[in-house]
Protein backbone atom coordinates (compact mmCIF):
# COMPACT_ATOMS: atom_id res chain seq x y z
CA MET A 1 23.04 32.50 16.54
CA LYS A 2 19.51 31.14 16.25
CA ARG A 3 17.58 32.68 13.39
CA PHE A 4 14.27 34.28 14.34
CA TYR A 5 12.33 31.99 12.01
CA ASP A 6 13.96 28.75 13.23
CA THR A 7 10.96 28.34 15.52
CA GLU A 8 8.91 27.50 12.41
CA LEU A 9 11.26 24.65 11.56
CA ASP A 10 11.22 23.54 15.19
CA THR A 11 7.42 23.39 15.01
CA PHE A 12 7.66 21.34 11.80
CA ARG A 13 10.06 18.91 13.50
CA ALA A 14 7.77 18.69 16.54
CA HIS A 15 4.78 17.81 14.39
CA PHE A 16 6.86 15.20 12.58
CA ALA A 17 7.83 13.67 15.93
CA GLN A 18 4.19 13.76 17.05
CA MET A 19 3.04 12.08 13.86
CA GLY A 20 5.77 9.46 14.15
CA ALA A 21 4.84 8.63 17.73
CA LEU A 22 1.19 8.30 16.78
CA ALA A 23 1.96 6.05 13.80
CA CYS A 24 4.13 3.80 15.98
CA GLU A 25 1.34 3.62 18.55
CA GLN A 26 -1.22 2.71 15.89
CA VAL A 27 0.99 -0.11 14.59
CA SER A 28 1.68 -1.39 18.11
CA ARG A 29 -2.00 -1.33 19.06
CA ALA A 30 -3.00 -3.11 15.86
CA MET A 31 -0.52 -5.89 16.59
CA HIS A 32 -1.77 -6.15 20.17
CA ALA A 33 -5.32 -6.40 18.86
CA LEU A 34 -4.20 -9.27 16.65
CA ALA A 35 -2.33 -11.04 19.45
CA GLU A 36 -5.33 -10.82 21.77
CA GLN A 37 -8.00 -10.94 19.04
CA ASN A 38 -9.33 -7.87 20.78
CA THR A 39 -12.03 -6.31 18.62
CA ARG A 40 -12.52 -3.34 20.96
CA LEU A 41 -8.87 -2.38 20.64
CA ALA A 42 -9.08 -2.93 16.89
CA SER A 43 -11.98 -0.47 16.72
CA GLU A 44 -9.92 2.11 18.62
CA VAL A 45 -7.13 1.78 16.05
CA VAL A 46 -9.60 2.46 13.24
CA ALA A 47 -10.94 5.51 15.07
CA GLY A 48 -7.43 6.85 15.67
CA ASP A 49 -6.58 7.17 11.98
CA ASP A 50 -8.11 10.65 11.61
CA ALA A 51 -5.43 12.20 13.83
CA LEU A 52 -2.68 10.97 11.50
CA ASP A 53 -4.51 12.34 8.48
CA ARG A 54 -4.81 15.77 10.10
CA LEU A 55 -1.13 15.87 10.99
CA GLU A 56 -0.10 14.99 7.46
CA ILE A 57 -2.17 17.88 6.09
CA LEU A 58 -0.78 20.23 8.76
CA MET A 59 2.82 19.33 7.91
CA ASP A 60 2.19 19.85 4.20
CA ASP A 61 0.70 23.29 4.91
CA GLU A 62 3.62 24.26 7.16
CA ALA A 63 6.21 23.15 4.61
CA VAL A 64 4.56 24.98 1.70
CA ARG A 65 4.14 28.16 3.76
CA TYR A 66 7.77 28.09 4.89
CA MET A 67 9.06 27.53 1.35
CA ASN A 68 6.93 30.38 0.02
CA MET A 69 7.97 32.84 2.72
CA ARG A 70 11.59 31.88 3.47
CA ALA A 71 12.94 30.38 0.20
CA PRO A 72 15.01 27.82 2.16
CA VAL A 73 18.15 26.18 0.78
CA ALA A 74 20.51 23.35 1.73
CA THR A 75 19.62 21.55 4.99
CA ASP A 76 16.45 23.55 5.65
CA LEU A 77 15.06 22.69 2.23
CA ARG A 78 16.02 19.04 2.60
CA LEU A 79 14.29 18.94 5.99
CA LEU A 80 11.04 20.15 4.46
CA ILE A 81 11.23 17.79 1.47
CA ALA A 82 12.20 14.79 3.60
CA GLY A 83 9.54 15.69 6.18
CA ILE A 84 6.77 15.85 3.60
CA LYS A 85 7.75 12.50 2.10
CA ALA A 86 8.21 10.87 5.49
CA SER A 87 4.82 12.12 6.68
CA GLN A 88 3.20 10.47 3.67
CA ASN A 89 4.84 7.19 4.63
CA LEU A 90 3.71 7.60 8.24
CA GLU A 91 0.14 8.19 7.10
CA ARG A 92 0.27 5.09 4.93
CA ALA A 93 1.77 3.02 7.74
CA GLY A 94 -1.21 4.17 9.81
CA ASP A 95 -3.53 3.06 7.02
CA GLU A 96 -1.95 -0.40 7.11
CA ALA A 97 -2.47 -0.52 10.89
CA VAL A 98 -6.15 0.26 10.27
CA SER A 99 -6.31 -2.49 7.64
CA ILE A 100 -4.86 -4.96 10.15
CA ALA A 101 -7.34 -3.83 12.81
CA ARG A 102 -10.32 -4.24 10.49
CA ARG A 103 -9.26 -7.76 9.58
CA VAL A 104 -8.80 -8.66 13.24
CA THR A 105 -12.54 -8.18 13.69
CA LYS A 106 -13.10 -10.95 11.13
CA LEU A 107 -10.91 -13.49 12.93
CA SER A 108 -12.65 -15.72 15.42
CA ALA A 109 -11.51 -19.31 14.84
CA PRO A 110 -8.91 -20.55 17.36
CA ALA A 111 -7.11 -22.22 14.45
CA THR A 112 -5.89 -18.80 13.38
CA LEU A 113 -3.50 -18.77 16.32
CA ALA A 114 -1.23 -21.29 14.58
CA HIS A 115 0.27 -18.61 12.31
CA VAL A 116 -0.27 -15.47 14.34
CA GLU A 117 3.04 -15.88 16.16
CA THR A 118 5.01 -15.47 12.93
CA ILE A 119 2.99 -12.39 11.98
CA LEU A 120 3.59 -10.93 15.44
CA ARG A 121 7.33 -11.47 14.94
CA MET A 122 7.04 -9.60 11.65
CA GLY A 123 5.14 -6.83 13.42
CA ALA A 124 7.80 -6.52 16.12
CA ILE A 125 10.52 -6.06 13.50
CA ALA A 126 8.45 -3.61 11.43
CA GLY A 127 7.61 -1.60 14.55
CA GLU A 128 11.28 -1.42 15.55
CA MET A 129 12.20 -0.34 12.02
CA LEU A 130 9.65 2.46 12.15
CA ARG A 131 10.84 3.70 15.56
CA ASP A 132 14.52 3.50 14.57
CA ALA A 133 13.93 5.34 11.30
CA LEU A 134 12.16 8.14 13.14
CA ALA A 135 14.88 8.27 15.81
CA CYS A 136 17.43 9.15 13.13
CA LEU A 137 16.11 12.71 13.07
CA ALA A 138 17.03 13.19 16.73
CA THR A 139 20.64 11.99 16.40
CA PRO A 140 23.61 14.31 15.79
CA GLU A 141 24.48 12.31 12.67
CA ILE A 142 21.02 12.00 11.21
CA ALA A 143 21.76 9.22 8.73
CA ALA A 144 24.02 7.11 10.95
CA ASN A 145 21.49 4.42 11.88
CA ALA A 146 19.34 4.52 8.75
CA PRO A 147 21.22 1.78 6.81
CA ALA A 148 20.56 -0.71 9.63
CA VAL A 149 16.83 -0.01 9.31
CA ILE A 150 16.93 -0.59 5.57
CA ARG A 151 18.75 -3.92 5.92
CA ARG A 152 16.06 -5.31 8.24
CA ASP A 153 13.44 -5.04 5.51
CA ASP A 154 14.72 -8.33 4.09
CA GLU A 155 13.79 -10.10 7.35
CA VAL A 156 10.20 -8.97 7.08
CA ASP A 157 10.00 -9.88 3.40
CA ALA A 158 11.26 -13.40 4.14
CA LEU A 159 8.72 -13.92 6.92
CA ASN A 160 5.92 -12.65 4.70
CA LYS A 161 6.87 -15.18 2.02
CA GLN A 162 6.98 -17.91 4.67
CA ILE A 163 3.48 -17.02 5.87
CA TYR A 164 2.17 -17.06 2.30
CA ARG A 165 3.71 -20.51 1.61
CA ASP A 166 2.51 -22.01 4.89
CA LEU A 167 -1.04 -20.72 4.60
CA SER A 168 -1.31 -21.71 0.94
CA ALA A 169 -0.28 -25.26 1.84
CA GLU A 170 -2.68 -25.32 4.78
CA MET A 171 -5.64 -24.23 2.65
CA ILE A 172 -4.91 -27.12 0.28
CA ALA A 173 -4.52 -29.64 3.08
CA ARG A 174 -7.39 -28.32 5.19
CA PRO A 175 -10.07 -26.57 3.11
CA GLU A 176 -11.86 -25.39 6.25
CA THR A 177 -9.03 -22.92 6.86
CA ILE A 178 -10.10 -20.95 3.79
CA SER A 179 -12.48 -19.05 6.06
CA PHE A 180 -9.60 -17.28 7.82
CA ALA A 181 -6.28 -17.98 6.06
CA PRO A 182 -6.70 -15.21 3.45
CA GLU A 183 -7.29 -12.68 6.25
CA LEU A 184 -3.98 -13.66 7.81
CA MET A 185 -2.27 -13.35 4.43
CA PHE A 186 -3.60 -9.82 4.05
CA ILE A 187 -2.54 -8.94 7.59
CA ALA A 188 0.99 -10.21 6.91
CA LYS A 189 1.08 -8.16 3.71
CA SER A 190 0.07 -5.04 5.65
CA VAL A 191 2.90 -5.64 8.11
CA GLU A 192 5.32 -6.05 5.19
CA ARG A 193 4.13 -2.71 3.81
CA ILE A 194 4.69 -1.02 7.18
CA ALA A 195 8.30 -2.22 7.00
CA ASP A 196 8.49 -0.79 3.47
CA HIS A 197 7.29 2.59 4.74
CA ALA A 198 9.89 2.48 7.53
CA THR A 199 12.52 1.76 4.86
CA ASN A 200 11.32 4.74 2.84
CA ILE A 201 11.59 6.99 5.89
CA ALA A 202 15.12 5.74 6.57
CA GLU A 203 16.05 6.58 2.98
CA GLU A 204 14.69 10.09 3.48
CA MET A 205 16.80 10.44 6.62
CA ILE A 206 19.90 9.59 4.57
CA TYR A 207 18.87 12.25 2.07
CA LEU A 208 18.37 14.75 4.88
CA GLY A 209 21.66 14.00 6.63
CA GLU A 210 23.95 13.41 3.67
CA ALA A 211 22.18 14.96 0.67
CA ARG A 212 22.25 11.53 -1.02
CA ASP A 213 19.23 10.02 -2.73
CA ILE A 214 19.59 6.24 -2.42
CA ARG A 215 16.09 5.32 -3.56
CA HIS A 216 16.12 2.40 -6.02
CA ALA A 217 19.90 2.17 -5.62
CA ARG A 218 19.98 -0.91 -3.37
CA PRO A 219 20.66 -4.30 -5.01
């Protein structure tokens, strides 16, 4: 039988899904802005950050109110704790999308295109990780797909290191690239952090589904 106050948890889940969809959209739009060097789209990403901030605050308020009024235990309590932590990671992933968008407005030299393809590949993986981590909440076995998300973080880390090595070598060989190479390095680092936030969310989904805290436990 459905408890009369389950609608409050349903609302919390709905806001989490809404925030997740918005964060994924922000990341996708930031990467499209980079691919097209589209400053208008980049500006739209920056403007869209406020909506994520408001949802994070709303979810915090809902969780605190529910804990004060209902004294939840077991799965309900884990849902609220995992939701709060995951919303923080979604907000920060949105911040990284904004950082990417702002740096896109500083890129104008065609030479930047030489390394953008690798960063876009990083962005595709990070975006998939974020979507897959969020999808765990909608599956019957919440934590079933979370380990696969976590494993993909190594791919993004390796590509980030490759970008750093390649651009460092290029700045030495071609000093004129110093005008844009650091911006690409920072963009790649933001993408790597988005993957980290997706990993954190996947870890929270394991905690929610299995009551296991695996943070800092991976080799």
